[in-house]
Protein backbone atom coordinates (compact mmCIF):
# COMPACT_ATOMS: atom_id res chain seq x y z
CA UNK A 1 214.40 197.04 135.99
CA UNK A 2 215.91 194.20 134.03
CA UNK A 3 219.10 194.04 136.12
CA UNK A 4 217.27 194.37 139.45
CA UNK A 5 214.71 191.69 138.56
CA UNK A 6 217.44 189.26 137.56
CA UNK A 7 219.39 190.05 140.74
CA UNK A 8 216.38 189.56 143.03
CA UNK A 9 214.58 186.64 141.36
CA UNK A 10 216.78 184.65 138.99
CA UNK A 11 219.68 185.57 136.71
CA UNK A 12 218.15 183.46 133.93
CA UNK A 13 214.71 185.12 133.97
CA UNK A 14 213.73 186.90 130.77
CA UNK A 15 212.68 190.50 131.27
CA UNK A 16 211.54 193.07 128.73
CA UNK A 17 210.94 196.52 130.19
CA UNK A 18 210.25 200.04 129.03
CA UNK A 19 210.56 202.79 131.61
CA UNK A 20 208.49 205.94 131.25
CA UNK A 21 208.83 209.14 133.26
CA UNK A 22 205.60 210.78 134.37
CA UNK A 23 205.20 214.22 135.98
CA UNK A 24 204.36 213.07 139.53
CA UNK A 25 206.32 213.68 142.72
CA UNK A 26 206.12 210.17 144.17
CA UNK A 27 205.21 206.77 142.84
CA UNK A 28 205.95 203.94 140.50
CA UNK A 29 203.51 202.23 138.15
CA UNK A 30 204.08 199.11 136.11
CA UNK A 31 202.04 197.23 133.55
CA UNK A 32 203.37 193.70 134.02
CA UNK A 33 202.83 190.60 131.89
CA UNK A 34 203.93 187.38 133.57
CA UNK A 35 204.29 183.93 132.03
CA UNK A 36 203.94 180.96 134.40
CA UNK A 37 205.13 177.37 133.96
CA UNK A 38 201.59 176.05 134.41
CA UNK A 39 198.08 177.42 134.14
CA UNK A 40 196.93 179.95 136.71
CA UNK A 41 193.50 181.55 136.76
CA UNK A 42 192.78 185.17 137.56
CA UNK A 43 190.97 183.99 140.70
CA UNK A 44 194.01 181.96 141.83
CA UNK A 45 196.32 184.93 141.24
CA UNK A 46 193.97 187.28 143.08
CA UNK A 47 193.80 184.88 146.03
CA UNK A 48 197.59 184.50 146.20
CA UNK A 49 198.12 188.26 145.97
CA UNK A 50 195.46 188.92 148.63
CA UNK A 51 197.39 186.71 151.05
CA UNK A 52 200.80 188.28 150.32
CA UNK A 53 202.03 190.59 153.07
CA UNK A 54 202.23 194.22 152.00
CA UNK A 55 200.07 193.72 148.91
CA UNK A 56 196.57 195.17 148.50
CA UNK A 57 194.43 194.05 145.58
CA UNK A 58 192.19 196.80 144.18
CA UNK A 59 190.63 195.21 141.14
CA UNK A 60 187.06 196.25 140.40
CA UNK A 61 185.70 196.22 136.85
CA UNK A 62 184.52 199.83 136.89
CA UNK A 63 185.92 203.30 136.33
CA UNK A 64 188.37 204.03 139.14
CA UNK A 65 188.50 200.33 140.06
CA UNK A 66 192.30 200.34 140.34
CA UNK A 67 194.93 202.48 142.07
CA UNK A 68 197.10 205.15 140.46
CA UNK A 69 200.56 206.29 141.62
CA UNK A 70 199.04 209.51 142.95
CA UNK A 71 196.62 207.52 145.13
CA UNK A 72 199.44 205.25 146.38
CA UNK A 73 201.53 208.20 147.60
CA UNK A 74 202.01 208.03 151.36
CA UNK A 75 200.95 204.37 151.54
CA UNK A 76 203.19 201.46 152.57
CA UNK A 77 201.40 198.83 150.48
CA UNK A 78 201.97 197.73 146.92
CA UNK A 79 198.65 197.91 145.06
CA UNK A 80 197.77 195.38 142.34
CA UNK A 81 194.82 195.66 139.99
CA UNK A 82 193.56 195.06 136.48
CA UNK A 83 194.42 191.37 136.84
CA UNK A 84 193.63 189.82 133.47
CA UNK A 85 194.42 186.73 131.43
CA UNK A 86 197.15 187.47 128.87
CA UNK A 87 195.94 185.75 125.72
CA UNK A 88 199.27 186.22 123.92
CA UNK A 89 200.99 183.46 125.90
CA UNK A 90 199.79 180.09 127.15
CA UNK A 91 200.01 180.64 130.92
CA UNK A 92 200.07 184.41 131.16
CA UNK A 93 198.54 187.14 133.27
CA UNK A 94 198.60 190.93 133.01
CA UNK A 95 198.69 193.10 136.12
CA UNK A 96 198.75 196.81 136.97
CA UNK A 97 201.01 197.54 139.97
CA UNK A 98 201.59 200.85 141.77
CA UNK A 99 203.42 201.92 144.91
CA UNK A 100 205.00 204.86 146.68
CA UNK A 101 208.63 204.41 145.67
CA UNK A 102 209.87 206.42 148.64
CA UNK A 103 208.26 203.93 151.01
CA UNK A 104 208.41 200.66 149.10
CA UNK A 105 211.79 200.26 147.52
CA UNK A 106 213.61 202.67 149.80
CA UNK A 107 213.62 203.14 153.58
CA UNK A 108 210.57 201.04 154.43
CA UNK A 109 211.90 198.05 152.50
CA UNK A 110 215.17 198.18 154.44
CA UNK A 111 213.31 198.31 157.75
CA UNK A 112 211.00 195.44 156.77
CA UNK A 113 213.93 193.27 155.65
CA UNK A 114 215.73 193.97 158.94
CA UNK A 115 212.57 193.12 160.92
CA UNK A 116 212.18 189.87 158.98
CA UNK A 117 215.79 188.91 159.65
CA UNK A 118 215.46 189.65 163.37
CA UNK A 119 212.22 187.67 163.63
CA UNK A 120 213.39 184.66 161.64
CA UNK A 121 217.14 184.36 161.62
CA UNK A 122 218.97 186.41 164.26
């Protein structure tokens, strides 16, 4: 995760990650804490994520108000929930993110990147 994040976003980005294996056939889940350069509210983050292509926000403050890897299986979207202020850092948020790793991060990603290149650059 650390190497891939640095390769995709910025080689100077700080990443701390712990990977855990869970007994499911398909899916990735991440508890992510992000520090921003300036203040961002939960509402601003939710709005930005809601407008991002391929992202679905499922963030209700109730039991079952967020997606699990099992529920994301077979879906193309990346699901984000449990968006909270991270009180341990000045401009931080915590997020819960799940996806079907066979669709997002494998074949579907390659197809979507190719489609984007054809539409915008080729």
